[in-house]
Amino acid sequence: MMTGKILVAVAVGIVFVVLLLGLYTLWKGGATSASWSNKLMRIRVLAQFVAILIIMAVLYFSQH
């Protein structure tokens, strides 16, 4: 049970960090924003997908 909570926290933390990095590159602008914004958005979407899978798995196995 505790391992599941840790996995969820790590997954959500990774999504949050990638989101903050994406916002920072947009705020900074210029060449950095042009080259990294799209990459970070794709990484964030993938991280969110993995986080949702982890959350669903933890919910499923916590009930069984």
PDB file of N, CA and C in Angstrom:
ATOM      1  N   MET A   1       0.829  -1.194   0.000  1.00  0.00           N
ATOM      2  CA  MET A   1       0.000   0.000   0.000  1.00  0.00           C
ATOM      3  C   MET A   1       0.870   1.253   0.000  1.00  0.00           C
ATOM      4  N   MET A   2       1.880   1.288   0.821  1.00  0.00           N
ATOM      5  CA  MET A   2       2.739   2.462   0.900  1.00  0.00           C
ATOM      6  C   MET A   2       3.575   2.618  -0.364  1.00  0.00           C
ATOM      7  N   THR A   3       3.978   1.503  -0.987  1.00  0.00           N
ATOM      8  CA  THR A   3       4.745   1.554  -2.222  1.00  0.00           C
ATOM      9  C   THR A   3       3.933   2.213  -3.321  1.00  0.00           C
ATOM     10  N   GLY A   4       2.644   1.936  -3.378  1.00  0.00           N
ATOM     11  CA  GLY A   4       1.768   2.547  -4.368  1.00  0.00           C
ATOM     12  C   GLY A   4       1.688   4.046  -4.203  1.00  0.00           C
ATOM     13  N   LYS A   5       1.594   4.496  -2.963  1.00  0.00           N
ATOM     14  CA  LYS A   5       1.535   5.940  -2.706  1.00  0.00           C
ATOM     15  C   LYS A   5       2.829   6.622  -3.121  1.00  0.00           C
ATOM     16  N   ILE A   6       3.942   5.955  -2.884  1.00  0.00           N
ATOM     17  CA  ILE A   6       5.235   6.511  -3.278  1.00  0.00           C
ATOM     18  C   ILE A   6       5.343   6.586  -4.795  1.00  0.00           C
ATOM     19  N   LEU A   7       4.902   5.527  -5.491  1.00  0.00           N
ATOM     20  CA  LEU A   7       4.925   5.533  -6.958  1.00  0.00           C
ATOM     21  C   LEU A   7       4.069   6.653  -7.522  1.00  0.00           C
ATOM     22  N   VAL A   8       2.888   6.847  -6.961  1.00  0.00           N
ATOM     23  CA  VAL A   8       2.002   7.918  -7.418  1.00  0.00           C
ATOM     24  C   VAL A   8       2.648   9.275  -7.166  1.00  0.00           C
ATOM     25  N   ALA A   9       3.227   9.454  -6.005  1.00  0.00           N
ATOM     26  CA  ALA A   9       3.872  10.732  -5.687  1.00  0.00           C
ATOM     27  C   ALA A   9       5.038  11.021  -6.623  1.00  0.00           C
ATOM     28  N   VAL A  10       5.836  10.016  -6.921  1.00  0.00           N
ATOM     29  CA  VAL A  10       6.970  10.198  -7.835  1.00  0.00           C
ATOM     30  C   VAL A  10       6.469  10.537  -9.238  1.00  0.00           C
ATOM     31  N   ALA A  11       5.446   9.832  -9.702  1.00  0.00           N
ATOM     32  CA  ALA A  11       4.913  10.075 -11.042  1.00  0.00           C
ATOM     33  C   ALA A  11       4.344  11.487 -11.167  1.00  0.00           C
ATOM     34  N   VAL A  12       3.576  11.904 -10.180  1.00  0.00           N
ATOM     35  CA  VAL A  12       3.006  13.249 -10.202  1.00  0.00           C
ATOM     36  C   VAL A  12       4.115  14.295 -10.079  1.00  0.00           C
ATOM     37  N   GLY A  13       5.132  14.009  -9.283  1.00  0.00           N
ATOM     38  CA  GLY A  13       6.262  14.929  -9.154  1.00  0.00           C
ATOM     39  C   GLY A  13       7.007  15.106 -10.463  1.00  0.00           C
ATOM     40  N   ILE A  14       7.192  14.033 -11.206  1.00  0.00           N
ATOM     41  CA  ILE A  14       7.878  14.120 -12.493  1.00  0.00           C
ATOM     42  C   ILE A  14       7.062  14.967 -13.469  1.00  0.00           C
ATOM     43  N   VAL A  15       5.753  14.747 -13.487  1.00  0.00           N
ATOM     44  CA  VAL A  15       4.890  15.550 -14.358  1.00  0.00           C
ATOM     45  C   VAL A  15       4.989  17.025 -13.979  1.00  0.00           C
ATOM     46  N   PHE A  16       4.984  17.307 -12.704  1.00  0.00           N
ATOM     47  CA  PHE A  16       5.061  18.689 -12.226  1.00  0.00           C
ATOM     48  C   PHE A  16       6.391  19.347 -12.627  1.00  0.00           C
ATOM     49  N   VAL A  17       7.484  18.629 -12.477  1.00  0.00           N
ATOM     50  CA  VAL A  17       8.801  19.178 -12.834  1.00  0.00           C
ATOM     51  C   VAL A  17       8.882  19.450 -14.334  1.00  0.00           C
ATOM     52  N   VAL A  18       8.389  18.524 -15.148  1.00  0.00           N
ATOM     53  CA  VAL A  18       8.416  18.732 -16.596  1.00  0.00           C
ATOM     54  C   VAL A  18       7.533  19.918 -16.982  1.00  0.00           C
ATOM     55  N   LEU A  19       6.383  20.054 -16.315  1.00  0.00           N
ATOM     56  CA  LEU A  19       5.508  21.202 -16.561  1.00  0.00           C
ATOM     57  C   LEU A  19       6.215  22.508 -16.223  1.00  0.00           C
ATOM     58  N   LEU A  20       6.891  22.546 -15.080  1.00  0.00           N
ATOM     59  CA  LEU A  20       7.618  23.760 -14.700  1.00  0.00           C
ATOM     60  C   LEU A  20       8.740  24.083 -15.689  1.00  0.00           C
ATOM     61  N   LEU A  21       9.448  23.060 -16.152  1.00  0.00           N
ATOM     62  CA  LEU A  21      10.499  23.284 -17.151  1.00  0.00           C
ATOM     63  C   LEU A  21       9.910  23.849 -18.440  1.00  0.00           C
ATOM     64  N   GLY A  22       8.764  23.320 -18.855  1.00  0.00           N
ATOM     65  CA  GLY A  22       8.107  23.823 -20.055  1.00  0.00           C
ATOM     66  C   GLY A  22       7.671  25.265 -19.900  1.00  0.00           C
ATOM     67  N   LEU A  23       7.108  25.594 -18.745  1.00  0.00           N
ATOM     68  CA  LEU A  23       6.704  26.979 -18.500  1.00  0.00           C
ATOM     69  C   LEU A  23       7.908  27.915 -18.467  1.00  0.00           C
ATOM     70  N   TYR A  24       9.010  27.441 -17.901  1.00  0.00           N
ATOM     71  CA  TYR A  24      10.224  28.262 -17.853  1.00  0.00           C
ATOM     72  C   TYR A  24      10.761  28.541 -19.255  1.00  0.00           C
ATOM     73  N   THR A  25      10.775  27.517 -20.112  1.00  0.00           N
ATOM     74  CA  THR A  25      11.287  27.744 -21.470  1.00  0.00           C
ATOM     75  C   THR A  25      10.376  28.688 -22.248  1.00  0.00           C
ATOM     76  N   LEU A  26       9.059  28.612 -22.010  1.00  0.00           N
ATOM     77  CA  LEU A  26       8.159  29.559 -22.665  1.00  0.00           C
ATOM     78  C   LEU A  26       8.389  30.973 -22.161  1.00  0.00           C
ATOM     79  N   TRP A  27       8.623  31.115 -20.863  1.00  0.00           N
ATOM     80  CA  TRP A  27       8.864  32.432 -20.277  1.00  0.00           C
ATOM     81  C   TRP A  27      10.183  33.017 -20.774  1.00  0.00           C
ATOM     82  N   LYS A  28      11.191  32.172 -20.908  1.00  0.00           N
ATOM     83  CA  LYS A  28      12.501  32.628 -21.354  1.00  0.00           C
ATOM     84  C   LYS A  28      12.465  33.075 -22.810  1.00  0.00           C
ATOM     85  N   GLY A  29      11.756  32.323 -23.649  1.00  0.00           N
ATOM     86  CA  GLY A  29      11.603  32.696 -25.053  1.00  0.00           C
ATOM     87  C   GLY A  29      12.880  32.502 -25.848  1.00  0.00           C
ATOM     88  N   GLY A  30      12.882  33.000 -27.054  1.00  0.00           N
ATOM     89  CA  GLY A  30      14.068  32.941 -27.906  1.00  0.00           C
ATOM     90  C   GLY A  30      14.321  31.562 -28.479  1.00  0.00           C
ATOM     91  N   ALA A  31      15.587  31.285 -28.736  1.00  0.00           N
ATOM     92  CA  ALA A  31      15.989  30.026 -29.362  1.00  0.00           C
ATOM     93  C   ALA A  31      15.734  28.832 -28.437  1.00  0.00           C
ATOM     94  N   THR A  32      15.890  29.043 -27.148  1.00  0.00           N
ATOM     95  CA  THR A  32      15.641  27.964 -26.187  1.00  0.00           C
ATOM     96  C   THR A  32      14.179  27.527 -26.253  1.00  0.00           C
ATOM     97  N   SER A  33      13.297  28.481 -26.288  1.00  0.00           N
ATOM     98  CA  SER A  33      11.875  28.165 -26.354  1.00  0.00           C
ATOM     99  C   SER A  33      11.531  27.453 -27.655  1.00  0.00           C
ATOM    100  N   ALA A  34      12.104  27.910 -28.739  1.00  0.00           N
ATOM    101  CA  ALA A  34      11.813  27.309 -30.041  1.00  0.00           C
ATOM    102  C   ALA A  34      12.272  25.861 -30.111  1.00  0.00           C
ATOM    103  N   SER A  35      13.393  25.554 -29.502  1.00  0.00           N
ATOM    104  CA  SER A  35      13.929  24.201 -29.625  1.00  0.00           C
ATOM    105  C   SER A  35      13.420  23.237 -28.552  1.00  0.00           C
ATOM    106  N   TRP A  36      12.998  23.732 -27.399  1.00  0.00           N
ATOM    107  CA  TRP A  36      12.630  22.842 -26.298  1.00  0.00           C
ATOM    108  C   TRP A  36      11.146  22.778 -25.969  1.00  0.00           C
ATOM    109  N   SER A  37      10.356  23.754 -26.343  1.00  0.00           N
ATOM    110  CA  SER A  37       8.943  23.781 -25.943  1.00  0.00           C
ATOM    111  C   SER A  37       8.193  22.543 -26.427  1.00  0.00           C
ATOM    112  N   ASN A  38       8.322  22.220 -27.696  1.00  0.00           N
ATOM    113  CA  ASN A  38       7.599  21.071 -28.241  1.00  0.00           C
ATOM    114  C   ASN A  38       8.107  19.761 -27.639  1.00  0.00           C
ATOM    115  N   LYS A  39       9.406  19.642 -27.431  1.00  0.00           N
ATOM    116  CA  LYS A  39       9.963  18.424 -26.831  1.00  0.00           C
ATOM    117  C   LYS A  39       9.442  18.227 -25.413  1.00  0.00           C
ATOM    118  N   LEU A  40       9.439  19.308 -24.638  1.00  0.00           N
ATOM    119  CA  LEU A  40       8.973  19.212 -23.255  1.00  0.00           C
ATOM    120  C   LEU A  40       7.477  18.916 -23.190  1.00  0.00           C
ATOM    121  N   MET A  41       6.706  19.442 -24.126  1.00  0.00           N
ATOM    122  CA  MET A  41       5.282  19.150 -24.148  1.00  0.00           C
ATOM    123  C   MET A  41       5.051  17.665 -24.426  1.00  0.00           C
ATOM    124  N   ARG A  42       5.815  17.098 -25.346  1.00  0.00           N
ATOM    125  CA  ARG A  42       5.677  15.669 -25.638  1.00  0.00           C
ATOM    126  C   ARG A  42       6.095  14.818 -24.438  1.00  0.00           C
ATOM    127  N   ILE A  43       7.170  15.215 -23.777  1.00  0.00           N
ATOM    128  CA  ILE A  43       7.624  14.484 -22.589  1.00  0.00           C
ATOM    129  C   ILE A  43       6.567  14.571 -21.490  1.00  0.00           C
ATOM    130  N   ARG A  44       5.953  15.750 -21.331  1.00  0.00           N
ATOM    131  CA  ARG A  44       4.925  15.928 -20.299  1.00  0.00           C
ATOM    132  C   ARG A  44       3.710  15.056 -20.580  1.00  0.00           C
ATOM    133  N   VAL A  45       3.280  15.004 -21.835  1.00  0.00           N
ATOM    134  CA  VAL A  45       2.123  14.178 -22.184  1.00  0.00           C
ATOM    135  C   VAL A  45       2.424  12.706 -21.913  1.00  0.00           C
ATOM    136  N   LEU A  46       3.615  12.262 -22.263  1.00  0.00           N
ATOM    137  CA  LEU A  46       4.013  10.877 -21.980  1.00  0.00           C
ATOM    138  C   LEU A  46       4.070  10.624 -20.475  1.00  0.00           C
ATOM    139  N   ALA A  47       4.625  11.565 -19.719  1.00  0.00           N
ATOM    140  CA  ALA A  47       4.703  11.418 -18.262  1.00  0.00           C
ATOM    141  C   ALA A  47       3.312  11.385 -17.644  1.00  0.00           C
ATOM    142  N   GLN A  48       2.394  12.193 -18.167  1.00  0.00           N
ATOM    143  CA  GLN A  48       1.022  12.167 -17.658  1.00  0.00           C
ATOM    144  C   GLN A  48       0.359  10.827 -17.946  1.00  0.00           C
ATOM    145  N   PHE A  49       0.600  10.278 -19.126  1.00  0.00           N
ATOM    146  CA  PHE A  49       0.036   8.972 -19.476  1.00  0.00           C
ATOM    147  C   PHE A  49       0.547   7.897 -18.518  1.00  0.00           C
ATOM    148  N   VAL A  50       1.840   7.899 -18.277  1.00  0.00           N
ATOM    149  CA  VAL A  50       2.423   6.913 -17.364  1.00  0.00           C
ATOM    150  C   VAL A  50       1.882   7.119 -15.946  1.00  0.00           C
ATOM    151  N   ALA A  51       1.741   8.380 -15.528  1.00  0.00           N
ATOM    152  CA  ALA A  51       1.213   8.664 -14.193  1.00  0.00           C
ATOM    153  C   ALA A  51      -0.223   8.155 -14.060  1.00  0.00           C
ATOM    154  N   ILE A  52      -1.027   8.333 -15.099  1.00  0.00           N
ATOM    155  CA  ILE A  52      -2.405   7.841 -15.052  1.00  0.00           C
ATOM    156  C   ILE A  52      -2.421   6.321 -14.980  1.00  0.00           C
ATOM    157  N   LEU A  53      -1.555   5.661 -15.734  1.00  0.00           N
ATOM    158  CA  LEU A  53      -1.472   4.200 -15.665  1.00  0.00           C
ATOM    159  C   LEU A  53      -1.085   3.742 -14.259  1.00  0.00           C
ATOM    160  N   ILE A  54      -0.121   4.418 -13.654  1.00  0.00           N
ATOM    161  CA  ILE A  54       0.311   4.060 -12.300  1.00  0.00           C
ATOM    162  C   ILE A  54      -0.826   4.269 -11.306  1.00  0.00           C
ATOM    163  N   ILE A  55      -1.516   5.395 -11.416  1.00  0.00           N
ATOM    164  CA  ILE A  55      -2.628   5.685 -10.502  1.00  0.00           C
ATOM    165  C   ILE A  55      -3.726   4.638 -10.648  1.00  0.00           C
ATOM    166  N   MET A  56      -4.057   4.297 -11.876  1.00  0.00           N
ATOM    167  CA  MET A  56      -5.109   3.296 -12.099  1.00  0.00           C
ATOM    168  C   MET A  56      -4.679   1.926 -11.556  1.00  0.00           C
ATOM    169  N   ALA A  57      -3.428   1.556 -11.750  1.00  0.00           N
ATOM    170  CA  ALA A  57      -2.933   0.275 -11.236  1.00  0.00           C
ATOM    171  C   ALA A  57      -2.954   0.249  -9.713  1.00  0.00           C
ATOM    172  N   VAL A  58      -2.549   1.338  -9.084  1.00  0.00           N
ATOM    173  CA  VAL A  58      -2.559   1.396  -7.620  1.00  0.00           C
ATOM    174  C   VAL A  58      -3.994   1.300  -7.107  1.00  0.00           C
ATOM    175  N   LEU A  59      -4.914   1.996  -7.753  1.00  0.00           N
ATOM    176  CA  LEU A  59      -6.319   1.920  -7.332  1.00  0.00           C
ATOM    177  C   LEU A  59      -6.869   0.512  -7.509  1.00  0.00           C
ATOM    178  N   TYR A  60      -6.538  -0.117  -8.621  1.00  0.00           N
ATOM    179  CA  TYR A  60      -7.031  -1.467  -8.894  1.00  0.00           C
ATOM    180  C   TYR A  60      -6.495  -2.472  -7.863  1.00  0.00           C
ATOM    181  N   PHE A  61      -5.184  -2.443  -7.633  1.00  0.00           N
ATOM    182  CA  PHE A  61      -4.594  -3.423  -6.730  1.00  0.00           C
ATOM    183  C   PHE A  61      -4.867  -3.126  -5.263  1.00  0.00           C
ATOM    184  N   SER A  62      -5.215  -1.887  -4.930  1.00  0.00           N
ATOM    185  CA  SER A  62      -5.551  -1.582  -3.543  1.00  0.00           C
ATOM    186  C   SER A  62      -6.922  -2.115  -3.171  1.00  0.00           C
ATOM    187  N   GLN A  63      -7.774  -2.347  -4.179  1.00  0.00           N
ATOM    188  CA  GLN A  63      -9.115  -2.871  -3.907  1.00  0.00           C
ATOM    189  C   GLN A  63      -9.174  -4.393  -3.946  1.00  0.00           C
ATOM    190  N   HIS A  64      -8.116  -5.023  -4.439  1.00  0.00           N
ATOM    191  CA  HIS A  64      -8.120  -6.495  -4.535  1.00  0.00           C
ATOM    192  C   HIS A  64      -7.169  -7.118  -3.573  1.00  0.00           C
TER     193      HIS A  64
END
